[in-house]
Amino acid sequence: MIEIKQQDNQLLICGALTRKTINPAFEKKASQLFTQSVNVLDLASVSHVDTAGLAWLLQVLAQAKKHHTNLHFTNLPQELLKIAKLTAVDTFLPIK
């Protein structure tokens, strides 16, 4: 299960960010929240992440750039950083 909570200009992602949890309902809710003034994605409460979770984050980053939103990620789990480094996309992640 994955949950998104908005707190001021941040979205807090809670739960597992995996191919099993990233479904159309989750993506719809996330995209609706990104239309607001969100510029920080806090991943402190992500319990598990896989390559699908990383791909979703990169997709969100691309959408934010399309809408001229300066999006940053904060509190990335070590597991996510490890996957990003292994796949050579760690330099694309705007980490604050």
PDB file of N, CA and C in Angstrom:
ATOM      1  N   MET A   1       0.842  -1.189   0.000  1.00  0.00           N
ATOM      2  CA  MET A   1       0.000   0.000   0.000  1.00  0.00           C
ATOM      3  C   MET A   1       0.881   1.244   0.000  1.00  0.00           C
ATOM      4  N   ILE A   2       0.431   2.251  -0.692  1.00  0.00           N
ATOM      5  CA  ILE A   2       1.150   3.518  -0.739  1.00  0.00           C
ATOM      6  C   ILE A   2       0.167   4.654  -0.530  1.00  0.00           C
ATOM      7  N   GLU A   3       0.620   5.671   0.141  1.00  0.00           N
ATOM      8  CA  GLU A   3      -0.240   6.811   0.446  1.00  0.00           C
ATOM      9  C   GLU A   3       0.524   8.101   0.168  1.00  0.00           C
ATOM     10  N   ILE A   4      -0.216   9.096  -0.291  1.00  0.00           N
ATOM     11  CA  ILE A   4       0.361  10.413  -0.539  1.00  0.00           C
ATOM     12  C   ILE A   4      -0.330  11.411   0.372  1.00  0.00           C
ATOM     13  N   LYS A   5       0.459  12.181   1.087  1.00  0.00           N
ATOM     14  CA  LYS A   5      -0.083  13.230   1.947  1.00  0.00           C
ATOM     15  C   LYS A   5       0.524  14.554   1.532  1.00  0.00           C
ATOM     16  N   GLN A   6      -0.301  15.588   1.448  1.00  0.00           N
ATOM     17  CA  GLN A   6       0.224  16.901   1.126  1.00  0.00           C
ATOM     18  C   GLN A   6       0.386  17.705   2.399  1.00  0.00           C
ATOM     19  N   GLN A   7       1.530  18.363   2.519  1.00  0.00           N
ATOM     20  CA  GLN A   7       1.816  19.216   3.664  1.00  0.00           C
ATOM     21  C   GLN A   7       2.513  20.460   3.119  1.00  0.00           C
ATOM     22  N   ASP A   8       1.787  21.548   3.054  1.00  0.00           N
ATOM     23  CA  ASP A   8       2.286  22.791   2.470  1.00  0.00           C
ATOM     24  C   ASP A   8       2.739  22.544   1.036  1.00  0.00           C
ATOM     25  N   ASN A   9       4.012  22.810   0.746  1.00  0.00           N
ATOM     26  CA  ASN A   9       4.505  22.636  -0.615  1.00  0.00           C
ATOM     27  C   ASN A   9       5.173  21.275  -0.818  1.00  0.00           C
ATOM     28  N   GLN A  10       4.916  20.339   0.099  1.00  0.00           N
ATOM     29  CA  GLN A  10       5.528  19.016   0.028  1.00  0.00           C
ATOM     30  C   GLN A  10       4.493  17.924  -0.151  1.00  0.00           C
ATOM     31  N   LEU A  11       4.904  16.874  -0.863  1.00  0.00           N
ATOM     32  CA  LEU A  11       4.138  15.638  -0.887  1.00  0.00           C
ATOM     33  C   LEU A  11       4.935  14.603  -0.118  1.00  0.00           C
ATOM     34  N   LEU A  12       4.294  13.983   0.848  1.00  0.00           N
ATOM     35  CA  LEU A  12       4.920  12.923   1.626  1.00  0.00           C
ATOM     36  C   LEU A  12       4.458  11.589   1.063  1.00  0.00           C
ATOM     37  N   ILE A  13       5.405  10.769   0.645  1.00  0.00           N
ATOM     38  CA  ILE A  13       5.097   9.451   0.111  1.00  0.00           C
ATOM     39  C   ILE A  13       5.323   8.449   1.237  1.00  0.00           C
ATOM     40  N   CYS A  14       4.299   7.655   1.543  1.00  0.00           N
ATOM     41  CA  CYS A  14       4.362   6.707   2.651  1.00  0.00           C
ATOM     42  C   CYS A  14       4.046   5.303   2.143  1.00  0.00           C
ATOM     43  N   GLY A  15       4.876   4.338   2.494  1.00  0.00           N
ATOM     44  CA  GLY A  15       4.636   2.958   2.100  1.00  0.00           C
ATOM     45  C   GLY A  15       5.648   2.477   1.080  1.00  0.00           C
ATOM     46  N   ALA A  16       5.302   1.384   0.413  1.00  0.00           N
ATOM     47  CA  ALA A  16       6.188   0.776  -0.577  1.00  0.00           C
ATOM     48  C   ALA A  16       5.954   1.415  -1.941  1.00  0.00           C
ATOM     49  N   LEU A  17       7.025   1.842  -2.565  1.00  0.00           N
ATOM     50  CA  LEU A  17       6.967   2.462  -3.893  1.00  0.00           C
ATOM     51  C   LEU A  17       7.504   1.421  -4.879  1.00  0.00           C
ATOM     52  N   THR A  18       6.596   0.524  -5.295  1.00  0.00           N
ATOM     53  CA  THR A  18       6.988  -0.621  -6.126  1.00  0.00           C
ATOM     54  C   THR A  18       6.011  -0.808  -7.281  1.00  0.00           C
ATOM     55  N   ARG A  19       6.348  -1.739  -8.158  1.00  0.00           N
ATOM     56  CA  ARG A  19       5.475  -1.999  -9.311  1.00  0.00           C
ATOM     57  C   ARG A  19       4.087  -2.477  -8.880  1.00  0.00           C
ATOM     58  N   LYS A  20       3.985  -3.045  -7.691  1.00  0.00           N
ATOM     59  CA  LYS A  20       2.684  -3.504  -7.193  1.00  0.00           C
ATOM     60  C   LYS A  20       1.828  -2.349  -6.681  1.00  0.00           C
ATOM     61  N   THR A  21       2.463  -1.261  -6.231  1.00  0.00           N
ATOM     62  CA  THR A  21       1.700  -0.156  -5.644  1.00  0.00           C
ATOM     63  C   THR A  21       1.487   1.012  -6.595  1.00  0.00           C
ATOM     64  N   ILE A  22       2.323   1.099  -7.619  1.00  0.00           N
ATOM     65  CA  ILE A  22       2.166   2.188  -8.586  1.00  0.00           C
ATOM     66  C   ILE A  22       1.132   1.735  -9.612  1.00  0.00           C
ATOM     67  N   ASN A  23      -0.096   2.120  -9.363  1.00  0.00           N
ATOM     68  CA  ASN A  23      -1.204   1.731 -10.236  1.00  0.00           C
ATOM     69  C   ASN A  23      -1.898   2.994 -10.746  1.00  0.00           C
ATOM     70  N   PRO A  24      -2.845   2.847 -11.663  1.00  0.00           N
ATOM     71  CA  PRO A  24      -3.506   4.033 -12.224  1.00  0.00           C
ATOM     72  C   PRO A  24      -4.150   4.953 -11.171  1.00  0.00           C
ATOM     73  N   ALA A  25      -4.740   4.397 -10.126  1.00  0.00           N
ATOM     74  CA  ALA A  25      -5.380   5.226  -9.094  1.00  0.00           C
ATOM     75  C   ALA A  25      -4.324   6.049  -8.356  1.00  0.00           C
ATOM     76  N   PHE A  26      -3.193   5.433  -8.027  1.00  0.00           N
ATOM     77  CA  PHE A  26      -2.116   6.142  -7.359  1.00  0.00           C
ATOM     78  C   PHE A  26      -1.570   7.242  -8.260  1.00  0.00           C
ATOM     79  N   GLU A  27      -1.331   6.923  -9.532  1.00  0.00           N
ATOM     80  CA  GLU A  27      -0.776   7.909 -10.459  1.00  0.00           C
ATOM     81  C   GLU A  27      -1.734   9.075 -10.676  1.00  0.00           C
ATOM     82  N   LYS A  28      -3.055   8.793 -10.719  1.00  0.00           N
ATOM     83  CA  LYS A  28      -4.041   9.865 -10.899  1.00  0.00           C
ATOM     84  C   LYS A  28      -4.024  10.813  -9.701  1.00  0.00           C
ATOM     85  N   LYS A  29      -4.017  10.242  -8.498  1.00  0.00           N
ATOM     86  CA  LYS A  29      -3.998  11.073  -7.296  1.00  0.00           C
ATOM     87  C   LYS A  29      -2.725  11.911  -7.246  1.00  0.00           C
ATOM     88  N   ALA A  30      -1.593  11.299  -7.558  1.00  0.00           N
ATOM     89  CA  ALA A  30      -0.318  12.019  -7.531  1.00  0.00           C
ATOM     90  C   ALA A  30      -0.313  13.149  -8.544  1.00  0.00           C
ATOM     91  N   SER A  31      -0.812  12.899  -9.743  1.00  0.00           N
ATOM     92  CA  SER A  31      -0.794  13.948 -10.770  1.00  0.00           C
ATOM     93  C   SER A  31      -1.717  15.100 -10.400  1.00  0.00           C
ATOM     94  N   GLN A  32      -2.831  14.824  -9.735  1.00  0.00           N
ATOM     95  CA  GLN A  32      -3.730  15.896  -9.288  1.00  0.00           C
ATOM     96  C   GLN A  32      -3.046  16.765  -8.239  1.00  0.00           C
ATOM     97  N   LEU A  33      -2.286  16.162  -7.360  1.00  0.00           N
ATOM     98  CA  LEU A  33      -1.600  16.923  -6.323  1.00  0.00           C
ATOM     99  C   LEU A  33      -0.456  17.741  -6.896  1.00  0.00           C
ATOM    100  N   PHE A  34       0.169  17.246  -7.944  1.00  0.00           N
ATOM    101  CA  PHE A  34       1.272  17.987  -8.546  1.00  0.00           C
ATOM    102  C   PHE A  34       0.813  19.217  -9.299  1.00  0.00           C
ATOM    103  N   THR A  35      -0.484  19.329  -9.581  1.00  0.00           N
ATOM    104  CA  THR A  35      -0.962  20.535 -10.253  1.00  0.00           C
ATOM    105  C   THR A  35      -0.988  21.709  -9.284  1.00  0.00           C
ATOM    106  N   GLN A  36      -0.905  21.427  -8.001  1.00  0.00           N
ATOM    107  CA  GLN A  36      -0.868  22.481  -7.002  1.00  0.00           C
ATOM    108  C   GLN A  36       0.581  22.930  -6.823  1.00  0.00           C
ATOM    109  N   SER A  37       0.840  23.766  -5.877  1.00  0.00           N
ATOM    110  CA  SER A  37       2.183  24.344  -5.722  1.00  0.00           C
ATOM    111  C   SER A  37       3.110  23.429  -4.921  1.00  0.00           C
ATOM    112  N   VAL A  38       3.335  22.244  -5.425  1.00  0.00           N
ATOM    113  CA  VAL A  38       4.213  21.282  -4.768  1.00  0.00           C
ATOM    114  C   VAL A  38       5.586  21.343  -5.433  1.00  0.00           C
ATOM    115  N   ASN A  39       6.633  21.493  -4.623  1.00  0.00           N
ATOM    116  CA  ASN A  39       7.964  21.463  -5.210  1.00  0.00           C
ATOM    117  C   ASN A  39       8.945  20.578  -4.443  1.00  0.00           C
ATOM    118  N   VAL A  40       8.461  19.842  -3.437  1.00  0.00           N
ATOM    119  CA  VAL A  40       9.307  18.919  -2.690  1.00  0.00           C
ATOM    120  C   VAL A  40       8.574  17.589  -2.556  1.00  0.00           C
ATOM    121  N   LEU A  41       9.281  16.520  -2.855  1.00  0.00           N
ATOM    122  CA  LEU A  41       8.745  15.176  -2.675  1.00  0.00           C
ATOM    123  C   LEU A  41       9.559  14.520  -1.568  1.00  0.00           C
ATOM    124  N   ASP A  42       8.931  14.289  -0.412  1.00  0.00           N
ATOM    125  CA  ASP A  42       9.605  13.735   0.759  1.00  0.00           C
ATOM    126  C   ASP A  42       9.394  12.224   0.786  1.00  0.00           C
ATOM    127  N   LEU A  43      10.493  11.483   0.746  1.00  0.00           N
ATOM    128  CA  LEU A  43      10.433  10.021   0.687  1.00  0.00           C
ATOM    129  C   LEU A  43      10.868   9.359   1.995  1.00  0.00           C
ATOM    130  N   ALA A  44      10.831  10.104   3.090  1.00  0.00           N
ATOM    131  CA  ALA A  44      11.289   9.577   4.384  1.00  0.00           C
ATOM    132  C   ALA A  44      10.487   8.365   4.844  1.00  0.00           C
ATOM    133  N   SER A  45       9.221   8.297   4.471  1.00  0.00           N
ATOM    134  CA  SER A  45       8.362   7.205   4.938  1.00  0.00           C
ATOM    135  C   SER A  45       8.184   6.097   3.908  1.00  0.00           C
ATOM    136  N   VAL A  46       9.042   6.055   2.905  1.00  0.00           N
ATOM    137  CA  VAL A  46       8.998   4.964   1.924  1.00  0.00           C
ATOM    138  C   VAL A  46       9.677   3.751   2.557  1.00  0.00           C
ATOM    139  N   SER A  47       8.938   2.669   2.652  1.00  0.00           N
ATOM    140  CA  SER A  47       9.446   1.471   3.320  1.00  0.00           C
ATOM    141  C   SER A  47      10.200   0.538   2.378  1.00  0.00           C
ATOM    142  N   HIS A  48       9.864   0.578   1.098  1.00  0.00           N
ATOM    143  CA  HIS A  48      10.517  -0.287   0.119  1.00  0.00           C
ATOM    144  C   HIS A  48      10.388   0.365  -1.245  1.00  0.00           C
ATOM    145  N   VAL A  49      11.397   0.204  -2.088  1.00  0.00           N
ATOM    146  CA  VAL A  49      11.360   0.769  -3.432  1.00  0.00           C
ATOM    147  C   VAL A  49      12.036  -0.209  -4.385  1.00  0.00           C
ATOM    148  N   ASP A  50      11.535  -0.253  -5.625  1.00  0.00           N
ATOM    149  CA  ASP A  50      12.181  -1.069  -6.651  1.00  0.00           C
ATOM    150  C   ASP A  50      12.401  -0.216  -7.892  1.00  0.00           C
ATOM    151  N   THR A  51      12.814  -0.829  -8.981  1.00  0.00           N
ATOM    152  CA  THR A  51      13.108  -0.070 -10.193  1.00  0.00           C
ATOM    153  C   THR A  51      11.872   0.628 -10.746  1.00  0.00           C
ATOM    154  N   ALA A  52      10.696   0.064 -10.532  1.00  0.00           N
ATOM    155  CA  ALA A  52       9.462   0.728 -10.978  1.00  0.00           C
ATOM    156  C   ALA A  52       9.242   2.012 -10.184  1.00  0.00           C
ATOM    157  N   GLY A  53       9.566   1.995  -8.913  1.00  0.00           N
ATOM    158  CA  GLY A  53       9.461   3.199  -8.092  1.00  0.00           C
ATOM    159  C   GLY A  53      10.415   4.274  -8.558  1.00  0.00           C
ATOM    160  N   LEU A  54      11.637   3.874  -8.892  1.00  0.00           N
ATOM    161  CA  LEU A  54      12.616   4.822  -9.421  1.00  0.00           C
ATOM    162  C   LEU A  54      12.141   5.383 -10.757  1.00  0.00           C
ATOM    163  N   ALA A  55      11.630   4.525 -11.619  1.00  0.00           N
ATOM    164  CA  ALA A  55      11.121   4.982 -12.924  1.00  0.00           C
ATOM    165  C   ALA A  55       9.976   5.968 -12.741  1.00  0.00           C
ATOM    166  N   TRP A  56       9.102   5.724 -11.769  1.00  0.00           N
ATOM    167  CA  TRP A  56       7.988   6.643 -11.514  1.00  0.00           C
ATOM    168  C   TRP A  56       8.518   8.002 -11.064  1.00  0.00           C
ATOM    169  N   LEU A  57       9.520   8.004 -10.195  1.00  0.00           N
ATOM    170  CA  LEU A  57      10.103   9.268  -9.736  1.00  0.00           C
ATOM    171  C   LEU A  57      10.712  10.049 -10.897  1.00  0.00           C
ATOM    172  N   LEU A  58      11.372   9.364 -11.805  1.00  0.00           N
ATOM    173  CA  LEU A  58      11.947  10.035 -12.976  1.00  0.00           C
ATOM    174  C   LEU A  58      10.854  10.586 -13.884  1.00  0.00           C
ATOM    175  N   GLN A  59       9.755   9.856 -13.991  1.00  0.00           N
ATOM    176  CA  GLN A  59       8.611  10.319 -14.785  1.00  0.00           C
ATOM    177  C   GLN A  59       7.995  11.569 -14.144  1.00  0.00           C
ATOM    178  N   VAL A  60       7.851  11.568 -12.852  1.00  0.00           N
ATOM    179  CA  VAL A  60       7.316  12.726 -12.124  1.00  0.00           C
ATOM    180  C   VAL A  60       8.235  13.932 -12.322  1.00  0.00           C
ATOM    181  N   LEU A  61       9.516  13.695 -12.264  1.00  0.00           N
ATOM    182  CA  LEU A  61      10.484  14.766 -12.475  1.00  0.00           C
ATOM    183  C   LEU A  61      10.353  15.359 -13.879  1.00  0.00           C
ATOM    184  N   ALA A  62      10.183  14.511 -14.878  1.00  0.00           N
ATOM    185  CA  ALA A  62      10.013  14.981 -16.256  1.00  0.00           C
ATOM    186  C   ALA A  62       8.734  15.798 -16.402  1.00  0.00           C
ATOM    187  N   GLN A  63       7.640  15.342 -15.777  1.00  0.00           N
ATOM    188  CA  GLN A  63       6.377  16.083 -15.834  1.00  0.00           C
ATOM    189  C   GLN A  63       6.515  17.441 -15.151  1.00  0.00           C
ATOM    190  N   ALA A  64       7.221  17.478 -14.036  1.00  0.00           N
ATOM    191  CA  ALA A  64       7.417  18.744 -13.313  1.00  0.00           C
ATOM    192  C   ALA A  64       8.185  19.733 -14.190  1.00  0.00           C
ATOM    193  N   LYS A  65       9.204  19.257 -14.868  1.00  0.00           N
ATOM    194  CA  LYS A  65       9.987  20.132 -15.738  1.00  0.00           C
ATOM    195  C   LYS A  65       9.139  20.654 -16.889  1.00  0.00           C
ATOM    196  N   LYS A  66       8.254  19.810 -17.405  1.00  0.00           N
ATOM    197  CA  LYS A  66       7.341  20.229 -18.478  1.00  0.00           C
ATOM    198  C   LYS A  66       6.464  21.387 -18.045  1.00  0.00           C
ATOM    199  N   HIS A  67       6.086  21.373 -16.766  1.00  0.00           N
ATOM    200  CA  HIS A  67       5.214  22.409 -16.211  1.00  0.00           C
ATOM    201  C   HIS A  67       6.013  23.515 -15.535  1.00  0.00           C
ATOM    202  N   HIS A  68       7.306  23.542 -15.782  1.00  0.00           N
ATOM    203  CA  HIS A  68       8.202  24.574 -15.244  1.00  0.00           C
ATOM    204  C   HIS A  68       8.189  24.616 -13.717  1.00  0.00           C
ATOM    205  N   THR A  69       8.104  23.439 -13.111  1.00  0.00           N
ATOM    206  CA  THR A  69       8.137  23.313 -11.660  1.00  0.00           C
ATOM    207  C   THR A  69       9.504  22.802 -11.241  1.00  0.00           C
ATOM    208  N   ASN A  70      10.130  23.494 -10.320  1.00  0.00           N
ATOM    209  CA  ASN A  70      11.439  23.105  -9.824  1.00  0.00           C
ATOM    210  C   ASN A  70      11.244  22.109  -8.682  1.00  0.00           C
ATOM    211  N   LEU A  71      11.183  20.830  -9.001  1.00  0.00           N
ATOM    212  CA  LEU A  71      10.901  19.777  -8.033  1.00  0.00           C
ATOM    213  C   LEU A  71      12.197  19.233  -7.439  1.00  0.00           C
ATOM    214  N   HIS A  72      12.178  18.995  -6.113  1.00  0.00           N
ATOM    215  CA  HIS A  72      13.312  18.395  -5.412  1.00  0.00           C
ATOM    216  C   HIS A  72      12.824  17.196  -4.616  1.00  0.00           C
ATOM    217  N   PHE A  73      13.712  16.237  -4.449  1.00  0.00           N
ATOM    218  CA  PHE A  73      13.438  15.068  -3.617  1.00  0.00           C
ATOM    219  C   PHE A  73      14.209  15.229  -2.311  1.00  0.00           C
ATOM    220  N   THR A  74      13.619  14.768  -1.231  1.00  0.00           N
ATOM    221  CA  THR A  74      14.285  14.818   0.064  1.00  0.00           C
ATOM    222  C   THR A  74      14.092  13.487   0.790  1.00  0.00           C
ATOM    223  N   ASN A  75      15.035  13.166   1.657  1.00  0.00           N
ATOM    224  CA  ASN A  75      14.980  11.959   2.495  1.00  0.00           C
ATOM    225  C   ASN A  75      14.852  10.680   1.674  1.00  0.00           C
ATOM    226  N   LEU A  76      15.671  10.548   0.635  1.00  0.00           N
ATOM    227  CA  LEU A  76      15.633   9.345  -0.191  1.00  0.00           C
ATOM    228  C   LEU A  76      16.178   8.148   0.578  1.00  0.00           C
ATOM    229  N   PRO A  77      15.465   7.026   0.523  1.00  0.00           N
ATOM    230  CA  PRO A  77      15.956   5.820   1.202  1.00  0.00           C
ATOM    231  C   PRO A  77      17.255   5.332   0.550  1.00  0.00           C
ATOM    232  N   GLN A  78      18.114   4.723   1.327  1.00  0.00           N
ATOM    233  CA  GLN A  78      19.374   4.184   0.816  1.00  0.00           C
ATOM    234  C   GLN A  78      19.139   3.178  -0.305  1.00  0.00           C
ATOM    235  N   GLU A  79      18.084   2.412  -0.172  1.00  0.00           N
ATOM    236  CA  GLU A  79      17.730   1.422  -1.202  1.00  0.00           C
ATOM    237  C   GLU A  79      17.501   2.096  -2.556  1.00  0.00           C
ATOM    238  N   LEU A  80      16.825   3.222  -2.549  1.00  0.00           N
ATOM    239  CA  LEU A  80      16.567   3.967  -3.781  1.00  0.00           C
ATOM    240  C   LEU A  80      17.868   4.540  -4.347  1.00  0.00           C
ATOM    241  N   LEU A  81      18.690   5.096  -3.488  1.00  0.00           N
ATOM    242  CA  LEU A  81      19.969   5.640  -3.941  1.00  0.00           C
ATOM    243  C   LEU A  81      20.854   4.560  -4.553  1.00  0.00           C
ATOM    244  N   LYS A  82      20.815   3.378  -3.966  1.00  0.00           N
ATOM    245  CA  LYS A  82      21.602   2.258  -4.482  1.00  0.00           C
ATOM    246  C   LYS A  82      21.126   1.851  -5.876  1.00  0.00           C
ATOM    247  N   ILE A  83      19.822   1.742  -6.069  1.00  0.00           N
ATOM    248  CA  ILE A  83      19.261   1.386  -7.378  1.00  0.00           C
ATOM    249  C   ILE A  83      19.586   2.476  -8.400  1.00  0.00           C
ATOM    250  N   ALA A  84      19.462   3.720  -7.993  1.00  0.00           N
ATOM    251  CA  ALA A  84      19.743   4.838  -8.899  1.00  0.00           C
ATOM    252  C   ALA A  84      21.210   4.819  -9.334  1.00  0.00           C
ATOM    253  N   LYS A  85      22.088   4.513  -8.412  1.00  0.00           N
ATOM    254  CA  LYS A  85      23.510   4.470  -8.750  1.00  0.00           C
ATOM    255  C   LYS A  85      23.816   3.289  -9.669  1.00  0.00           C
ATOM    256  N   LEU A  86      23.230   2.130  -9.383  1.00  0.00           N
ATOM    257  CA  LEU A  86      23.453   0.946 -10.208  1.00  0.00           C
ATOM    258  C   LEU A  86      22.938   1.126 -11.639  1.00  0.00           C
ATOM    259  N   THR A  87      21.884   1.904 -11.795  1.00  0.00           N
ATOM    260  CA  THR A  87      21.305   2.127 -13.119  1.00  0.00           C
ATOM    261  C   THR A  87      21.824   3.410 -13.758  1.00  0.00           C
ATOM    262  N   ALA A  88      22.746   4.074 -13.093  1.00  0.00           N
ATOM    263  CA  ALA A  88      23.408   5.282 -13.593  1.00  0.00           C
ATOM    264  C   ALA A  88      22.455   6.449 -13.835  1.00  0.00           C
ATOM    265  N   VAL A  89      21.427   6.562 -13.003  1.00  0.00           N
ATOM    266  CA  VAL A  89      20.520   7.717 -13.100  1.00  0.00           C
ATOM    267  C   VAL A  89      20.588   8.582 -11.848  1.00  0.00           C
ATOM    268  N   ASP A  90      21.498   8.267 -10.942  1.00  0.00           N
ATOM    269  CA  ASP A  90      21.591   9.017  -9.688  1.00  0.00           C
ATOM    270  C   ASP A  90      21.878  10.500  -9.919  1.00  0.00           C
ATOM    271  N   THR A  91      22.561  10.835 -10.993  1.00  0.00           N
ATOM    272  CA  THR A  91      22.874  12.243 -11.254  1.00  0.00           C
ATOM    273  C   THR A  91      21.662  13.030 -11.740  1.00  0.00           C
ATOM    274  N   PHE A  92      20.596  12.330 -12.141  1.00  0.00           N
ATOM    275  CA  PHE A  92      19.379  13.007 -12.589  1.00  0.00           C
ATOM    276  C   PHE A  92      18.455  13.390 -11.429  1.00  0.00           C
ATOM    277  N   LEU A  93      18.690  12.826 -10.260  1.00  0.00           N
ATOM    278  CA  LEU A  93      17.813  13.049  -9.118  1.00  0.00           C
ATOM    279  C   LEU A  93      18.165  14.359  -8.410  1.00  0.00           C
ATOM    280  N   PRO A  94      17.221  15.297  -8.360  1.00  0.00           N
ATOM    281  CA  PRO A  94      17.463  16.569  -7.666  1.00  0.00           C
ATOM    282  C   PRO A  94      17.244  16.393  -6.161  1.00  0.00           C
ATOM    283  N   ILE A  95      18.292  16.059  -5.467  1.00  0.00           N
ATOM    284  CA  ILE A  95      18.194  15.744  -4.033  1.00  0.00           C
ATOM    285  C   ILE A  95      18.523  16.980  -3.227  1.00  0.00           C
ATOM    286  N   LYS A  96      17.679  17.276  -2.269  1.00  0.00           N
ATOM    287  CA  LYS A  96      17.871  18.420  -1.384  1.00  0.00           C
ATOM    288  C   LYS A  96      18.226  17.923  -0.003  1.00  0.00           C
TER     289      LYS A  96
END
